[in-house]
Protein backbone atom coordinates (compact mmCIF):
# COMPACT_ATOMS: atom_id res chain seq x y z
CA UNK A 1 106.82 89.15 97.91
CA UNK A 2 106.58 92.48 99.62
CA UNK A 3 103.96 93.14 102.33
CA UNK A 4 101.32 95.77 101.75
CA UNK A 5 99.50 97.83 104.39
CA UNK A 6 95.87 97.58 103.29
CA UNK A 7 94.90 100.63 105.33
CA UNK A 8 97.33 102.89 103.42
CA UNK A 9 97.48 104.63 100.07
CA UNK A 10 100.67 104.72 98.06
CA UNK A 11 102.82 106.74 95.70
CA UNK A 12 104.40 104.94 92.79
CA UNK A 13 107.74 106.01 94.32
CA UNK A 14 106.87 103.65 97.24
CA UNK A 15 105.82 106.06 100.01
CA UNK A 16 102.68 105.35 101.99
CA UNK A 17 100.13 107.50 103.87
CA UNK A 18 97.59 106.31 106.43
CA UNK A 19 94.97 108.20 108.43
CA UNK A 20 95.78 108.61 112.17
CA UNK A 21 93.87 110.13 115.09
CA UNK A 22 92.68 113.74 115.17
CA UNK A 23 92.88 114.46 111.47
CA UNK A 24 96.58 113.56 111.32
CA UNK A 25 98.21 111.37 108.69
CA UNK A 26 101.31 109.18 109.02
CA UNK A 27 103.89 108.81 106.20
CA UNK A 28 106.42 106.07 105.69
CA UNK A 29 108.12 103.97 102.99
CA UNK A 30 106.77 100.68 101.86
CA UNK A 31 108.07 97.22 102.63
CA UNK A 32 109.12 97.02 98.94
CA UNK A 33 111.18 100.20 99.27
CA UNK A 34 112.99 99.08 102.47
CA UNK A 35 113.77 95.71 100.81
CA UNK A 36 115.21 97.47 97.72
CA UNK A 37 117.35 99.77 99.86
CA UNK A 38 118.45 96.96 102.16
CA UNK A 39 120.19 98.03 105.38
CA UNK A 40 119.07 101.58 106.22
CA UNK A 41 121.80 103.45 108.08
CA UNK A 42 120.49 107.04 108.15
CA UNK A 43 117.30 109.06 107.86
CA UNK A 44 116.96 112.76 107.36
CA UNK A 45 113.58 114.12 108.32
CA UNK A 46 112.02 117.65 108.20
CA UNK A 47 111.56 119.82 111.26
CA UNK A 48 108.18 119.90 113.03
CA UNK A 49 106.23 122.83 111.67
CA UNK A 50 107.44 122.50 108.08
CA UNK A 51 104.69 122.77 105.52
CA UNK A 52 104.74 120.06 102.83
CA UNK A 53 103.09 120.01 99.44
CA UNK A 54 102.06 116.74 97.87
CA UNK A 55 104.89 115.48 95.69
CA UNK A 56 107.59 117.51 97.51
CA UNK A 57 110.73 115.84 98.83
CA UNK A 58 110.50 115.81 102.59
CA UNK A 59 113.47 113.70 103.59
CA UNK A 60 116.16 111.22 102.66
CA UNK A 61 116.58 107.55 103.58
CA UNK A 62 120.17 106.28 103.17
CA UNK A 63 121.20 102.64 103.07
CA UNK A 64 124.42 100.86 102.46
CA UNK A 65 123.43 100.74 98.80
CA UNK A 66 122.02 104.20 98.04
CA UNK A 67 120.35 107.40 99.25
CA UNK A 68 116.74 107.94 98.19
CA UNK A 69 114.60 111.06 98.44
CA UNK A 70 111.28 110.57 100.14
CA UNK A 71 108.18 112.34 98.77
CA UNK A 72 105.03 113.59 100.47
CA UNK A 73 101.93 111.72 99.43
CA UNK A 74 99.59 114.58 100.61
CA UNK A 75 99.99 118.17 101.72
CA UNK A 76 100.10 119.25 105.30
CA UNK A 77 102.19 120.50 108.21
CA UNK A 78 104.65 118.20 110.03
CA UNK A 79 103.41 117.74 113.62
CA UNK A 80 105.81 114.97 114.64
CA UNK A 81 108.82 113.08 113.41
CA UNK A 82 109.89 109.60 114.40
CA UNK A 83 112.88 110.60 116.67
CA UNK A 84 113.56 106.91 117.39
CA UNK A 85 114.90 106.56 113.82
CA UNK A 86 117.83 108.85 114.59
CA UNK A 87 119.33 106.23 116.91
CA UNK A 88 117.96 103.24 115.12
CA UNK A 89 117.11 103.76 111.40
CA UNK A 90 117.00 99.97 110.88
CA UNK A 91 113.45 100.11 112.42
CA UNK A 92 112.32 101.07 108.94
CA UNK A 93 113.71 97.66 107.70
CA UNK A 94 112.17 95.77 110.62
CA UNK A 95 108.67 97.38 110.63
CA UNK A 96 108.09 99.82 107.75
CA UNK A 97 104.35 100.12 108.49
CA UNK A 98 104.72 100.31 112.30
CA UNK A 99 107.70 101.53 114.30
CA UNK A 100 109.42 102.52 111.08
CA UNK A 101 107.00 105.37 110.30
CA UNK A 102 108.67 108.72 109.23
CA UNK A 103 106.43 111.69 109.96
CA UNK A 104 102.97 112.69 111.20
CA UNK A 105 101.26 115.43 109.23
CA UNK A 106 98.19 117.57 109.95
CA UNK A 107 96.30 118.39 106.82
CA UNK A 108 94.39 121.72 106.43
CA UNK A 109 91.54 119.89 104.84
CA UNK A 110 90.54 116.33 103.97
CA UNK A 111 93.26 115.23 101.58
CA UNK A 112 92.36 114.06 98.07
CA UNK A 113 93.57 110.49 97.97
CA UNK A 114 92.21 109.86 94.46
CA UNK A 115 95.62 110.50 92.85
CA UNK A 116 97.26 107.92 95.09
CA UNK A 117 97.41 104.17 94.56
CA UNK A 118 95.03 101.98 96.48
CA UNK A 119 96.55 98.87 98.06
CA UNK A 120 95.34 96.73 95.18
CA UNK A 121 96.69 99.15 92.57
CA UNK A 122 100.06 99.29 94.49
CA UNK A 123 100.15 95.51 94.52
CA UNK A 124 99.67 95.48 90.75
CA UNK A 125 102.46 97.99 90.34
CA UNK A 126 104.75 95.77 92.40
CA UNK A 127 103.88 92.67 90.48
CA UNK A 128 104.63 94.52 87.22
CA UNK A 129 107.96 95.78 88.63
CA UNK A 130 108.96 92.33 89.82
CA UNK A 131 108.01 90.96 86.45
């Protein structure tokens, strides 16, 4: 059973977003997503300063199995990327909600999280997918 971060909101495509300090938001992929991809070998992330719109592709996560686009859960400007992933992308496998985060974004206003899945709704999605 995949772990869920109960402080995050989710896209049905398995990205998460969580509030950080100073009006910033952290994005990553869920435990379920890293399990499905298996051994992650490469991550492509946007440059700092790039403006993202909710739903836009902002990067790629590649594993020995497949490459997957990564989608922005909310709109905002990239203020930091997880540089450590360049040398060790497997951190996403080891700790998808901690050291395996992807980007930090500053939102122009309080994001509308109502179109995202709550942790409970995401858990229901996973149980339906796992059948």
